PDB file of N, CA and C in Angstrom:
ATOM      1  N   MET A   1       0.802  -1.204   0.138  1.00  0.00           N
ATOM      2  CA  MET A   1      -0.058   0.020   0.042  1.00  0.00           C
ATOM      3  C   MET A   1       0.793   1.178   0.029  1.00  0.00           C
ATOM      4  N   VAL A   2       1.856   1.302   0.642  1.00  0.00           N
ATOM      5  CA  VAL A   2       2.922   2.338   0.772  1.00  0.00           C
ATOM      6  C   VAL A   2       3.428   2.597  -0.632  1.00  0.00           C
ATOM      7  N   THR A   3       3.856   1.676  -1.550  1.00  0.00           N
ATOM      8  CA  THR A   3       4.325   1.836  -2.808  1.00  0.00           C
ATOM      9  C   THR A   3       3.075   2.504  -3.669  1.00  0.00           C
ATOM     10  N   ILE A   4       1.953   2.093  -3.558  1.00  0.00           N
ATOM     11  CA  ILE A   4       0.865   2.450  -4.362  1.00  0.00           C
ATOM     12  C   ILE A   4       0.458   4.004  -4.017  1.00  0.00           C
ATOM     13  N   SER A   5       0.541   4.212  -2.628  1.00  0.00           N
ATOM     14  CA  SER A   5       0.066   5.623  -2.261  1.00  0.00           C
ATOM     15  C   SER A   5       1.199   6.690  -2.535  1.00  0.00           C
ATOM     16  N   LYS A   6       2.293   6.163  -2.886  1.00  0.00           N
ATOM     17  CA  LYS A   6       3.511   7.167  -3.376  1.00  0.00           C
ATOM     18  C   LYS A   6       3.120   7.647  -4.833  1.00  0.00           C
ATOM     19  N   THR A   7       2.289   7.056  -5.685  1.00  0.00           N
ATOM     20  CA  THR A   7       1.921   7.464  -6.979  1.00  0.00           C
ATOM     21  C   THR A   7       0.862   8.427  -7.028  1.00  0.00           C
ATOM     22  N   PHE A   8       0.217   8.588  -5.693  1.00  0.00           N
ATOM     23  CA  PHE A   8      -1.069   9.542  -5.809  1.00  0.00           C
ATOM     24  C   PHE A   8      -0.334  10.854  -5.924  1.00  0.00           C
ATOM     25  N   THR A   9      -1.159  11.808  -6.615  1.00  0.00           N
ATOM     26  CA  THR A   9      -0.740  13.098  -7.009  1.00  0.00           C
ATOM     27  C   THR A   9      -1.567  14.152  -6.116  1.00  0.00           C
ATOM     28  N   SER A  10      -2.728  13.534  -5.573  1.00  0.00           N
ATOM     29  CA  SER A  10      -3.738  14.483  -4.838  1.00  0.00           C
ATOM     30  C   SER A  10      -3.511  14.116  -3.448  1.00  0.00           C
ATOM     31  N   ALA A  11      -3.894  15.122  -2.462  1.00  0.00           N
ATOM     32  CA  ALA A  11      -3.737  15.001  -1.063  1.00  0.00           C
ATOM     33  C   ALA A  11      -5.136  14.489  -0.660  1.00  0.00           C
ATOM     34  N   PRO A  12      -5.022  13.680   0.618  1.00  0.00           N
ATOM     35  CA  PRO A  12      -6.323  12.971   0.971  1.00  0.00           C
ATOM     36  C   PRO A  12      -7.737  13.899   1.039  1.00  0.00           C
ATOM     37  N   TRP A  13      -7.494  15.051   1.174  1.00  0.00           N
ATOM     38  CA  TRP A  13      -8.692  16.171   1.278  1.00  0.00           C
ATOM     39  C   TRP A  13      -9.006  16.844  -0.061  1.00  0.00           C
ATOM     40  N   GLU A  14      -8.310  16.403  -1.051  1.00  0.00           N
ATOM     41  CA  GLU A  14      -8.562  16.841  -2.448  1.00  0.00           C
ATOM     42  C   GLU A  14      -9.620  16.111  -3.273  1.00  0.00           C
ATOM     43  N   SER A  15     -10.370  16.675  -4.010  1.00  0.00           N
ATOM     44  CA  SER A  15     -11.419  15.932  -4.842  1.00  0.00           C
ATOM     45  C   SER A  15     -10.885  14.842  -5.599  1.00  0.00           C
ATOM     46  N   ASN A  16      -9.761  14.927  -6.379  1.00  0.00           N
ATOM     47  CA  ASN A  16      -9.228  13.775  -7.206  1.00  0.00           C
ATOM     48  C   ASN A  16      -8.730  12.545  -6.243  1.00  0.00           C
ATOM     49  N   PHE A  17      -8.539  12.729  -5.170  1.00  0.00           N
ATOM     50  CA  PHE A  17      -7.878  11.604  -4.443  1.00  0.00           C
ATOM     51  C   PHE A  17      -8.754  10.330  -4.318  1.00  0.00           C
ATOM     52  N   GLU A  18      -9.973  10.500  -4.208  1.00  0.00           N
ATOM     53  CA  GLU A  18     -10.894   9.180  -4.217  1.00  0.00           C
ATOM     54  C   GLU A  18     -10.900   8.618  -5.534  1.00  0.00           C
ATOM     55  N   ASP A  19     -10.565   9.344  -6.613  1.00  0.00           N
ATOM     56  CA  ASP A  19     -10.431   8.595  -7.831  1.00  0.00           C
ATOM     57  C   ASP A  19      -9.288   7.888  -8.019  1.00  0.00           C
ATOM     58  N   GLU A  20      -8.091   8.581  -7.525  1.00  0.00           N
ATOM     59  CA  GLU A  20      -6.764   7.906  -7.566  1.00  0.00           C
ATOM     60  C   GLU A  20      -6.766   6.590  -6.636  1.00  0.00           C
ATOM     61  N   VAL A  21      -7.464   6.640  -5.509  1.00  0.00           N
ATOM     62  CA  VAL A  21      -7.513   5.594  -4.760  1.00  0.00           C
ATOM     63  C   VAL A  21      -8.350   4.349  -5.457  1.00  0.00           C
ATOM     64  N   HIS A  22      -9.380   4.629  -6.098  1.00  0.00           N
ATOM     65  CA  HIS A  22     -10.302   3.882  -6.948  1.00  0.00           C
ATOM     66  C   HIS A  22      -9.504   3.135  -8.023  1.00  0.00           C
ATOM     67  N   ASP A  23      -8.823   3.921  -8.719  1.00  0.00           N
ATOM     68  CA  ASP A  23      -8.055   3.476  -9.898  1.00  0.00           C
ATOM     69  C   ASP A  23      -6.985   2.574  -9.458  1.00  0.00           C
ATOM     70  N   ALA A  24      -6.301   2.842  -8.191  1.00  0.00           N
ATOM     71  CA  ALA A  24      -5.289   2.002  -7.633  1.00  0.00           C
ATOM     72  C   ALA A  24      -5.790   0.663  -7.359  1.00  0.00           C
ATOM     73  N   TRP A  25      -7.055   0.773  -6.680  1.00  0.00           N
ATOM     74  CA  TRP A  25      -7.623  -0.487  -6.239  1.00  0.00           C
ATOM     75  C   TRP A  25      -8.031  -1.287  -7.371  1.00  0.00           C
ATOM     76  N   VAL A  26      -8.600  -0.770  -8.471  1.00  0.00           N
ATOM     77  CA  VAL A  26      -9.045  -1.494  -9.638  1.00  0.00           C
ATOM     78  C   VAL A  26      -7.874  -2.172 -10.408  1.00  0.00           C
ATOM     79  N   GLU A  27      -6.795  -1.365 -10.535  1.00  0.00           N
ATOM     80  CA  GLU A  27      -5.753  -1.590 -11.359  1.00  0.00           C
ATOM     81  C   GLU A  27      -4.660  -2.595 -10.691  1.00  0.00           C
ATOM     82  N   THR A  28      -4.536  -2.348  -9.215  1.00  0.00           N
ATOM     83  CA  THR A  28      -3.475  -3.195  -8.737  1.00  0.00           C
ATOM     84  C   THR A  28      -4.025  -3.947  -7.572  1.00  0.00           C
ATOM     85  N   VAL A  29      -4.986  -3.597  -6.605  1.00  0.00           N
ATOM     86  CA  VAL A  29      -5.157  -4.407  -5.447  1.00  0.00           C
ATOM     87  C   VAL A  29      -6.154  -5.533  -5.843  1.00  0.00           C
ATOM     88  N   LEU A  30      -7.218  -5.168  -6.500  1.00  0.00           N
ATOM     89  CA  LEU A  30      -8.222  -6.162  -6.833  1.00  0.00           C
ATOM     90  C   LEU A  30      -7.639  -7.251  -7.530  1.00  0.00           C
ATOM     91  N   PRO A  31      -6.833  -7.001  -8.670  1.00  0.00           N
ATOM     92  CA  PRO A  31      -6.372  -8.016  -9.281  1.00  0.00           C
ATOM     93  C   PRO A  31      -5.448  -9.137  -8.498  1.00  0.00           C
ATOM     94  N   ALA A  32      -4.623  -8.436  -7.427  1.00  0.00           N
ATOM     95  CA  ALA A  32      -3.687  -9.320  -6.789  1.00  0.00           C
ATOM     96  C   ALA A  32      -4.640 -10.151  -5.760  1.00  0.00           C
ATOM     97  N   VAL A  33      -5.733  -9.457  -5.202  1.00  0.00           N
ATOM     98  CA  VAL A  33      -6.559 -10.314  -4.277  1.00  0.00           C
ATOM     99  C   VAL A  33      -7.138 -11.476  -4.995  1.00  0.00           C
ATOM    100  N   GLU A  34      -7.627 -11.094  -6.186  1.00  0.00           N
ATOM    101  CA  GLU A  34      -8.156 -12.191  -7.013  1.00  0.00           C
ATOM    102  C   GLU A  34      -7.223 -13.214  -7.346  1.00  0.00           C
ATOM    103  N   ALA A  35      -6.000 -13.083  -7.705  1.00  0.00           N
ATOM    104  CA  ALA A  35      -4.876 -14.005  -7.812  1.00  0.00           C
ATOM    105  C   ALA A  35      -4.661 -14.678  -6.596  1.00  0.00           C
ATOM    106  N   ILE A  36      -4.731 -14.305  -5.513  1.00  0.00           N
ATOM    107  CA  ILE A  36      -4.625 -14.942  -4.168  1.00  0.00           C
ATOM    108  C   ILE A  36      -5.765 -16.024  -4.123  1.00  0.00           C
ATOM    109  N   ASP A  37      -6.888 -15.484  -4.238  1.00  0.00           N
ATOM    110  CA  ASP A  37      -8.036 -16.490  -4.082  1.00  0.00           C
ATOM    111  C   ASP A  37      -7.880 -17.666  -5.134  1.00  0.00           C
ATOM    112  N   SER A  38      -7.724 -17.341  -6.402  1.00  0.00           N
ATOM    113  CA  SER A  38      -7.504 -18.363  -7.368  1.00  0.00           C
ATOM    114  C   SER A  38      -6.253 -19.435  -6.892  1.00  0.00           C
ATOM    115  N   SER A  39      -5.255 -18.888  -6.262  1.00  0.00           N
ATOM    116  CA  SER A  39      -4.007 -19.684  -5.932  1.00  0.00           C
ATOM    117  C   SER A  39      -4.550 -20.586  -4.671  1.00  0.00           C
ATOM    118  N   ILE A  40      -5.426 -20.108  -3.826  1.00  0.00           N
ATOM    119  CA  ILE A  40      -5.895 -20.803  -2.689  1.00  0.00           C
ATOM    120  C   ILE A  40      -6.758 -21.786  -3.314  1.00  0.00           C
ATOM    121  N   GLN A  41      -7.840 -21.485  -4.270  1.00  0.00           N
ATOM    122  CA  GLN A  41      -8.669 -22.534  -4.882  1.00  0.00           C
ATOM    123  C   GLN A  41      -7.759 -23.635  -5.576  1.00  0.00           C
ATOM    124  N   ASP A  42      -6.752 -23.237  -6.159  1.00  0.00           N
ATOM    125  CA  ASP A  42      -5.829 -24.290  -7.024  1.00  0.00           C
ATOM    126  C   ASP A  42      -5.090 -25.126  -5.819  1.00  0.00           C
ATOM    127  N   ASN A  43      -4.654 -24.612  -4.717  1.00  0.00           N
ATOM    128  CA  ASN A  43      -4.010 -25.381  -3.799  1.00  0.00           C
ATOM    129  C   ASN A  43      -4.881 -26.348  -3.300  1.00  0.00           C
ATOM    130  N   ARG A  44      -6.167 -25.838  -2.932  1.00  0.00           N
ATOM    131  CA  ARG A  44      -7.091 -26.915  -2.522  1.00  0.00           C
ATOM    132  C   ARG A  44      -7.280 -28.113  -3.256  1.00  0.00           C
ATOM    133  N   SER A  45      -7.367 -27.796  -4.632  1.00  0.00           N
ATOM    134  CA  SER A  45      -7.568 -28.896  -5.702  1.00  0.00           C
ATOM    135  C   SER A  45      -6.542 -29.797  -5.809  1.00  0.00           C
ATOM    136  N   ILE A  46      -5.374 -29.323  -5.735  1.00  0.00           N
ATOM    137  CA  ILE A  46      -4.207 -30.253  -5.860  1.00  0.00           C
ATOM    138  C   ILE A  46      -4.073 -31.213  -4.805  1.00  0.00           C
ATOM    139  N   LEU A  47      -4.571 -31.012  -3.583  1.00  0.00           N
ATOM    140  CA  LEU A  47      -4.746 -31.983  -2.531  1.00  0.00           C
ATOM    141  C   LEU A  47      -5.798 -32.993  -2.718  1.00  0.00           C
ATOM    142  N   SER A  48      -6.999 -32.378  -3.220  1.00  0.00           N
ATOM    143  CA  SER A  48      -7.997 -33.124  -3.557  1.00  0.00           C
ATOM    144  C   SER A  48      -7.761 -34.221  -4.469  1.00  0.00           C
ATOM    145  N   LEU A  49      -7.026 -33.727  -5.615  1.00  0.00           N
ATOM    146  CA  LEU A  49      -6.840 -34.575  -6.629  1.00  0.00           C
ATOM    147  C   LEU A  49      -5.694 -35.612  -6.162  1.00  0.00           C
ATOM    148  N   ALA A  50      -4.708 -35.401  -5.533  1.00  0.00           N
ATOM    149  CA  ALA A  50      -3.687 -36.360  -4.960  1.00  0.00           C
ATOM    150  C   ALA A  50      -4.514 -37.340  -4.079  1.00  0.00           C
ATOM    151  N   ALA A  51      -5.202 -36.863  -3.234  1.00  0.00           N
ATOM    152  CA  ALA A  51      -5.959 -37.703  -2.380  1.00  0.00           C
ATOM    153  C   ALA A  51      -6.802 -38.827  -3.058  1.00  0.00           C
ATOM    154  N   GLY A  52      -7.527 -38.374  -4.117  1.00  0.00           N
ATOM    155  CA  GLY A  52      -8.236 -39.428  -4.975  1.00  0.00           C
ATOM    156  C   GLY A  52      -7.178 -40.396  -5.614  1.00  0.00           C
ATOM    157  N   VAL A  53      -6.160 -39.937  -6.005  1.00  0.00           N
ATOM    158  CA  VAL A  53      -5.001 -40.863  -6.649  1.00  0.00           C
ATOM    159  C   VAL A  53      -4.616 -41.795  -5.626  1.00  0.00           C
ATOM    160  N   ALA A  54      -4.276 -41.354  -4.549  1.00  0.00           N
ATOM    161  CA  ALA A  54      -3.714 -42.057  -3.373  1.00  0.00           C
ATOM    162  C   ALA A  54      -4.870 -43.165  -3.106  1.00  0.00           C
ATOM    163  N   GLY A  55      -6.049 -42.864  -2.903  1.00  0.00           N
ATOM    164  CA  GLY A  55      -7.256 -43.599  -2.540  1.00  0.00           C
ATOM    165  C   GLY A  55      -7.317 -44.756  -3.667  1.00  0.00           C
ATOM    166  N   THR A  56      -7.286 -44.511  -4.811  1.00  0.00           N
ATOM    167  CA  THR A  56      -7.387 -45.509  -5.765  1.00  0.00           C
ATOM    168  C   THR A  56      -6.072 -46.457  -5.857  1.00  0.00           C
ATOM    169  N   ILE A  57      -5.065 -45.843  -5.484  1.00  0.00           N
ATOM    170  CA  ILE A  57      -3.753 -46.956  -5.611  1.00  0.00           C
ATOM    171  C   ILE A  57      -3.714 -47.790  -4.437  1.00  0.00           C
ATOM    172  N   ASN A  58      -3.982 -47.336  -3.218  1.00  0.00           N
ATOM    173  CA  ASN A  58      -4.039 -48.150  -2.084  1.00  0.00           C
ATOM    174  C   ASN A  58      -5.125 -47.693  -1.151  1.00  0.00           C
ATOM    175  N   THR A  59      -6.183 -48.453  -0.978  1.00  0.00           N
ATOM    176  CA  THR A  59      -7.295 -48.170  -0.101  1.00  0.00           C
ATOM    177  C   THR A  59      -7.112 -48.850   1.235  1.00  0.00           C
ATOM    178  N   SER A  60      -6.053 -49.495   1.323  1.00  0.00           N
ATOM    179  CA  SER A  60      -5.858 -50.305   2.597  1.00  0.00           C
ATOM    180  C   SER A  60      -5.187 -49.485   3.724  1.00  0.00           C
ATOM    181  N   LEU A  61      -5.012 -48.242   3.479  1.00  0.00           N
ATOM    182  CA  LEU A  61      -4.257 -47.512   4.307  1.00  0.00           C
ATOM    183  C   LEU A  61      -5.320 -46.322   5.020  1.00  0.00           C
ATOM    184  N   PRO A  62      -6.059 -46.950   5.807  1.00  0.00           N
ATOM    185  CA  PRO A  62      -6.983 -45.816   6.443  1.00  0.00           C
ATOM    186  C   PRO A  62      -6.145 -44.682   7.159  1.00  0.00           C
ATOM    187  N   GLY A  63      -6.641 -43.565   7.238  1.00  0.00           N
ATOM    188  CA  GLY A  63      -5.998 -42.454   7.838  1.00  0.00           C
ATOM    189  C   GLY A  63      -4.589 -42.089   7.361  1.00  0.00           C
ATOM    190  N   LEU A  64      -4.456 -42.265   5.977  1.00  0.00           N
ATOM    191  CA  LEU A  64      -3.278 -41.980   5.482  1.00  0.00           C
ATOM    192  C   LEU A  64      -2.847 -40.466   5.473  1.00  0.00           C
ATOM    193  N   ALA A  65      -3.880 -39.650   5.288  1.00  0.00           N
ATOM    194  CA  ALA A  65      -3.789 -38.260   5.284  1.00  0.00           C
ATOM    195  C   ALA A  65      -3.240 -37.800   6.700  1.00  0.00           C
ATOM    196  N   ILE A  66      -3.753 -38.351   7.759  1.00  0.00           N
ATOM    197  CA  ILE A  66      -3.240 -38.291   9.240  1.00  0.00           C
ATOM    198  C   ILE A  66      -1.677 -38.647   9.303  1.00  0.00           C
ATOM    199  N   VAL A  67      -1.340 -39.779   8.799  1.00  0.00           N
ATOM    200  CA  VAL A  67      -0.086 -40.408   8.795  1.00  0.00           C
ATOM    201  C   VAL A  67       0.882 -39.482   8.041  1.00  0.00           C
ATOM    202  N   ALA A  68       0.395 -38.971   6.791  1.00  0.00           N
ATOM    203  CA  ALA A  68       1.098 -38.186   5.926  1.00  0.00           C
ATOM    204  C   ALA A  68       1.456 -36.857   6.456  1.00  0.00           C
ATOM    205  N   ALA A  69       0.512 -36.195   7.151  1.00  0.00           N
ATOM    206  CA  ALA A  69       0.722 -34.850   7.827  1.00  0.00           C
ATOM    207  C   ALA A  69       1.751 -34.889   8.778  1.00  0.00           C
ATOM    208  N   GLY A  70       1.844 -36.122   9.408  1.00  0.00           N
ATOM    209  CA  GLY A  70       2.734 -36.173  10.588  1.00  0.00           C
ATOM    210  C   GLY A  70       4.213 -36.447   9.889  1.00  0.00           C
ATOM    211  N   LEU A  71       4.225 -37.162   8.883  1.00  0.00           N
ATOM    212  CA  LEU A  71       5.490 -37.327   8.222  1.00  0.00           C
ATOM    213  C   LEU A  71       6.134 -36.431   7.394  1.00  0.00           C
ATOM    214  N   LEU A  72       5.362 -35.332   7.099  1.00  0.00           N
ATOM    215  CA  LEU A  72       5.860 -34.365   6.090  1.00  0.00           C
ATOM    216  C   LEU A  72       7.135 -33.773   6.290  1.00  0.00           C
ATOM    217  N   GLY A  73       7.657 -33.572   7.389  1.00  0.00           N
ATOM    218  CA  GLY A  73       8.856 -33.028   7.672  1.00  0.00           C
ATOM    219  C   GLY A  73       9.930 -34.289   7.866  1.00  0.00           C
ATOM    220  N   HIS A  74       9.457 -35.433   7.814  1.00  0.00           N
ATOM    221  CA  HIS A  74      10.343 -36.532   8.406  1.00  0.00           C
ATOM    222  C   HIS A  74      10.776 -37.556   7.141  1.00  0.00           C
ATOM    223  N   ALA A  75      11.730 -37.093   6.177  1.00  0.00           N
ATOM    224  CA  ALA A  75      11.901 -38.031   5.135  1.00  0.00           C
ATOM    225  C   ALA A  75      12.517 -39.285   5.740  1.00  0.00           C
ATOM    226  N   GLY A  76      13.308 -39.304   6.720  1.00  0.00           N
ATOM    227  CA  GLY A  76      13.811 -40.753   7.111  1.00  0.00           C
ATOM    228  C   GLY A  76      12.748 -41.621   7.697  1.00  0.00           C
ATOM    229  N   ALA A  77      11.570 -41.021   8.308  1.00  0.00           N
ATOM    230  CA  ALA A  77      10.563 -41.927   8.487  1.00  0.00           C
ATOM    231  C   ALA A  77       9.967 -42.582   7.532  1.00  0.00           C
ATOM    232  N   VAL A  78       9.635 -41.731   6.298  1.00  0.00           N
ATOM    233  CA  VAL A  78       9.105 -42.244   5.199  1.00  0.00           C
ATOM    234  C   VAL A  78       9.755 -43.422   4.545  1.00  0.00           C
ATOM    235  N   THR A  79      11.269 -43.152   4.494  1.00  0.00           N
ATOM    236  CA  THR A  79      12.153 -44.164   4.200  1.00  0.00           C
ATOM    237  C   THR A  79      12.172 -45.326   4.910  1.00  0.00           C
ATOM    238  N   ALA A  80      12.089 -45.442   6.266  1.00  0.00           N
ATOM    239  CA  ALA A  80      12.033 -46.457   7.037  1.00  0.00           C
ATOM    240  C   ALA A  80      10.662 -47.297   6.792  1.00  0.00           C
ATOM    241  N   LEU A  81       9.572 -46.569   6.730  1.00  0.00           N
ATOM    242  CA  LEU A  81       8.310 -47.136   6.344  1.00  0.00           C
ATOM    243  C   LEU A  81       8.381 -47.978   4.997  1.00  0.00           C
ATOM    244  N   GLY A  82       9.221 -47.542   4.174  1.00  0.00           N
ATOM    245  CA  GLY A  82       9.285 -48.322   2.828  1.00  0.00           C
ATOM    246  C   GLY A  82       7.911 -48.414   1.981  1.00  0.00           C
ATOM    247  N   GLY A  83       7.645 -49.467   1.781  1.00  0.00           N
ATOM    248  CA  GLY A  83       6.538 -49.923   0.766  1.00  0.00           C
ATOM    249  C   GLY A  83       5.225 -49.662   1.633  1.00  0.00           C
ATOM    250  N   ALA A  84       5.082 -49.663   2.781  1.00  0.00           N
ATOM    251  CA  ALA A  84       3.771 -49.321   3.447  1.00  0.00           C
ATOM    252  C   ALA A  84       3.291 -47.955   3.165  1.00  0.00           C
ATOM    253  N   VAL A  85       4.145 -47.003   2.915  1.00  0.00           N
ATOM    254  CA  VAL A  85       3.691 -45.733   2.431  1.00  0.00           C
ATOM    255  C   VAL A  85       3.872 -45.396   1.011  1.00  0.00           C
ATOM    256  N   SER A  86       4.469 -46.168   0.270  1.00  0.00           N
ATOM    257  CA  SER A  86       4.878 -45.841  -1.188  1.00  0.00           C
ATOM    258  C   SER A  86       3.508 -45.640  -2.005  1.00  0.00           C
ATOM    259  N   GLY A  87       2.319 -46.272  -1.598  1.00  0.00           N
ATOM    260  CA  GLY A  87       1.109 -46.093  -2.145  1.00  0.00           C
ATOM    261  C   GLY A  87       0.566 -44.775  -1.896  1.00  0.00           C
ATOM    262  N   GLY A  88       0.957 -44.120  -0.899  1.00  0.00           N
ATOM    263  CA  GLY A  88       0.527 -42.829  -0.652  1.00  0.00           C
ATOM    264  C   GLY A  88       1.561 -41.641  -1.034  1.00  0.00           C
ATOM    265  N   ALA A  89       2.541 -42.083  -1.801  1.00  0.00           N
ATOM    266  CA  ALA A  89       3.560 -41.023  -2.262  1.00  0.00           C
ATOM    267  C   ALA A  89       2.747 -39.800  -2.988  1.00  0.00           C
ATOM    268  N   PRO A  90       1.904 -40.039  -3.848  1.00  0.00           N
ATOM    269  CA  PRO A  90       1.239 -38.812  -4.443  1.00  0.00           C
ATOM    270  C   PRO A  90       0.658 -38.001  -3.421  1.00  0.00           C
ATOM    271  N   LEU A  91       0.011 -38.552  -2.273  1.00  0.00           N
ATOM    272  CA  LEU A  91      -0.527 -37.685  -1.275  1.00  0.00           C
ATOM    273  C   LEU A  91       0.538 -36.866  -0.578  1.00  0.00           C
ATOM    274  N   LEU A  92       1.516 -37.674  -0.090  1.00  0.00           N
ATOM    275  CA  LEU A  92       2.573 -37.115   0.591  1.00  0.00           C
ATOM    276  C   LEU A  92       3.203 -35.800  -0.242  1.00  0.00           C
ATOM    277  N   GLN A  93       3.354 -36.105  -1.524  1.00  0.00           N
ATOM    278  CA  GLN A  93       4.046 -34.961  -2.298  1.00  0.00           C
ATOM    279  C   GLN A  93       3.035 -33.842  -2.370  1.00  0.00           C
ATOM    280  N   ALA A  94       1.675 -34.223  -2.554  1.00  0.00           N
ATOM    281  CA  ALA A  94       0.557 -32.992  -2.599  1.00  0.00           C
ATOM    282  C   ALA A  94       0.565 -32.363  -1.401  1.00  0.00           C
ATOM    283  N   LEU A  95       0.688 -32.962  -0.151  1.00  0.00           N
ATOM    284  CA  LEU A  95       0.665 -32.320   1.033  1.00  0.00           C
ATOM    285  C   LEU A  95       1.845 -31.388   1.117  1.00  0.00           C
ATOM    286  N   ARG A  96       3.127 -31.870   0.722  1.00  0.00           N
ATOM    287  CA  ARG A  96       4.305 -30.898   0.707  1.00  0.00           C
ATOM    288  C   ARG A  96       4.034 -29.767  -0.258  1.00  0.00           C
ATOM    289  N   ASP A  97       3.486 -30.045  -1.456  1.00  0.00           N
ATOM    290  CA  ASP A  97       3.290 -29.060  -2.321  1.00  0.00           C
ATOM    291  C   ASP A  97       2.163 -27.881  -1.886  1.00  0.00           C
ATOM    292  N   ARG A  98       1.338 -28.518  -1.293  1.00  0.00           N
ATOM    293  CA  ARG A  98       0.191 -27.565  -0.805  1.00  0.00           C
ATOM    294  C   ARG A  98       0.701 -26.697   0.481  1.00  0.00           C
ATOM    295  N   ARG A  99       1.619 -27.312   1.263  1.00  0.00           N
ATOM    296  CA  ARG A  99       2.001 -26.484   2.341  1.00  0.00           C
ATOM    297  C   ARG A  99       3.168 -25.402   1.804  1.00  0.00           C
ATOM    298  N   ALA A 100       3.980 -25.731   0.859  1.00  0.00           N
ATOM    299  CA  ALA A 100       4.653 -24.767   0.194  1.00  0.00           C
ATOM    300  C   ALA A 100       3.944 -23.747  -0.590  1.00  0.00           C
ATOM    301  N   ALA A 101       2.949 -24.067  -1.223  1.00  0.00           N
ATOM    302  CA  ALA A 101       2.053 -23.029  -1.906  1.00  0.00           C
ATOM    303  C   ALA A 101       1.247 -22.208  -0.997  1.00  0.00           C
ATOM    304  N   ALA A 102       0.747 -22.788   0.187  1.00  0.00           N
ATOM    305  CA  ALA A 102       0.188 -21.916   1.101  1.00  0.00           C
ATOM    306  C   ALA A 102       1.089 -21.049   1.805  1.00  0.00           C
ATOM    307  N   ARG A 103       2.350 -21.276   2.017  1.00  0.00           N
ATOM    308  CA  ARG A 103       3.498 -20.327   2.470  1.00  0.00           C
ATOM    309  C   ARG A 103       3.565 -19.395   1.496  1.00  0.00           C
ATOM    310  N   ASP A 104       3.807 -19.690   0.356  1.00  0.00           N
ATOM    311  CA  ASP A 104       3.873 -18.579  -0.760  1.00  0.00           C
ATOM    312  C   ASP A 104       2.738 -17.679  -0.867  1.00  0.00           C
ATOM    313  N   ILE A 105       1.577 -18.232  -0.664  1.00  0.00           N
ATOM    314  CA  ILE A 105       0.224 -17.359  -0.805  1.00  0.00           C
ATOM    315  C   ILE A 105       0.224 -16.349   0.137  1.00  0.00           C
ATOM    316  N   ARG A 106       0.639 -16.904   1.479  1.00  0.00           N
ATOM    317  CA  ARG A 106       0.736 -15.761   2.634  1.00  0.00           C
ATOM    318  C   ARG A 106       1.698 -14.768   2.268  1.00  0.00           C
ATOM    319  N   MET A 107       2.698 -14.915   1.720  1.00  0.00           N
ATOM    320  CA  MET A 107       3.839 -13.983   1.481  1.00  0.00           C
ATOM    321  C   MET A 107       3.332 -12.909   0.453  1.00  0.00           C
ATOM    322  N   GLN A 108       2.187 -13.013  -0.465  1.00  0.00           N
ATOM    323  CA  GLN A 108       1.848 -12.215  -1.428  1.00  0.00           C
ATOM    324  C   GLN A 108       1.455 -10.908  -0.805  1.00  0.00           C
ATOM    325  N   PRO A 109       1.836  -9.620  -1.387  1.00  0.00           N
ATOM    326  CA  PRO A 109       1.779  -8.282  -1.010  1.00  0.00           C
ATOM    327  C   PRO A 109       0.357  -7.940  -0.395  1.00  0.00           C
ATOM    328  N   PHE A 110      -0.721  -8.508  -0.868  1.00  0.00           N
ATOM    329  CA  PHE A 110      -2.054  -8.047  -0.458  1.00  0.00           C
ATOM    330  C   PHE A 110      -2.916  -9.258   0.318  1.00  0.00           C
ATOM    331  N   TYR A 111      -2.065 -10.149   0.631  1.00  0.00           N
ATOM    332  CA  TYR A 111      -2.679 -11.271   1.443  1.00  0.00           C
ATOM    333  C   TYR A 111      -3.597 -10.896   2.572  1.00  0.00           C
ATOM    334  N   PHE A 112      -2.980  -9.914   3.383  1.00  0.00           N
ATOM    335  CA  PHE A 112      -3.836  -9.380   4.545  1.00  0.00           C
ATOM    336  C   PHE A 112      -5.213  -8.817   4.114  1.00  0.00           C
ATOM    337  N   LEU A 113      -5.302  -8.289   3.037  1.00  0.00           N
ATOM    338  CA  LEU A 113      -6.634  -7.823   2.696  1.00  0.00           C
ATOM    339  C   LEU A 113      -7.422  -9.123   2.420  1.00  0.00           C
ATOM    340  N   TYR A 114      -6.938 -10.092   1.638  1.00  0.00           N
ATOM    341  CA  TYR A 114      -7.591 -11.325   1.391  1.00  0.00           C
ATOM    342  C   TYR A 114      -8.194 -11.885   2.729  1.00  0.00           C
ATOM    343  N   ALA A 115      -7.160 -12.050   3.680  1.00  0.00           N
ATOM    344  CA  ALA A 115      -7.562 -12.805   4.924  1.00  0.00           C
ATOM    345  C   ALA A 115      -8.523 -11.947   5.678  1.00  0.00           C
ATOM    346  N   ALA A 116      -8.218 -10.636   5.751  1.00  0.00           N
ATOM    347  CA  ALA A 116      -9.194  -9.762   6.521  1.00  0.00           C
ATOM    348  C   ALA A 116     -10.598 -10.044   5.983  1.00  0.00           C
ATOM    349  N   GLU A 117     -10.714  -9.781   4.670  1.00  0.00           N
ATOM    350  CA  GLU A 117     -12.018 -10.005   4.145  1.00  0.00           C
ATOM    351  C   GLU A 117     -12.763 -11.313   4.460  1.00  0.00           C
ATOM    352  N   HIS A 118     -12.027 -12.463   4.533  1.00  0.00           N
ATOM    353  CA  HIS A 118     -12.545 -13.853   4.787  1.00  0.00           C
ATOM    354  C   HIS A 118     -12.802 -13.963   6.260  1.00  0.00           C
ATOM    355  N   ALA A 119     -11.899 -13.348   7.104  1.00  0.00           N
ATOM    356  CA  ALA A 119     -12.269 -13.200   8.564  1.00  0.00           C
ATOM    357  C   ALA A 119     -13.494 -12.492   8.894  1.00  0.00           C
ATOM    358  N   LEU A 120     -13.649 -11.316   8.361  1.00  0.00           N
ATOM    359  CA  LEU A 120     -14.836 -10.634   8.642  1.00  0.00           C
ATOM    360  C   LEU A 120     -16.111 -10.978   7.883  1.00  0.00           C
ATOM    361  N   GLY A 121     -16.006 -11.810   6.728  1.00  0.00           N
ATOM    362  CA  GLY A 121     -17.170 -11.966   6.055  1.00  0.00           C
ATOM    363  C   GLY A 121     -17.647 -13.214   6.143  1.00  0.00           C
TER     364      GLY A 121
END
């Protein structure tokens, strides 16, 4: 917001200020917030797709998502479990990807606006 406000030529009390804020919103902020929303929707569908793939590969592992979430940061544990978890590899990778994508999304310049809108709405 600081970067955008530096481009304003009108002071807040001048009549053109509202138009400048509106233009900045429409040209910069709104597209960024919509891109964040789209990224979040894509991030959710990655996990859903992988969960479906893992379910069709190996339906004998109930609670795989819970196990996978616990193993995300423990590559050694995944290696030690070997074949027992190999059917869930797409799900594990999707969980890692989802976590990384969520972290990247939260680092976007206007994420706070997106989060505030969803927290209040």
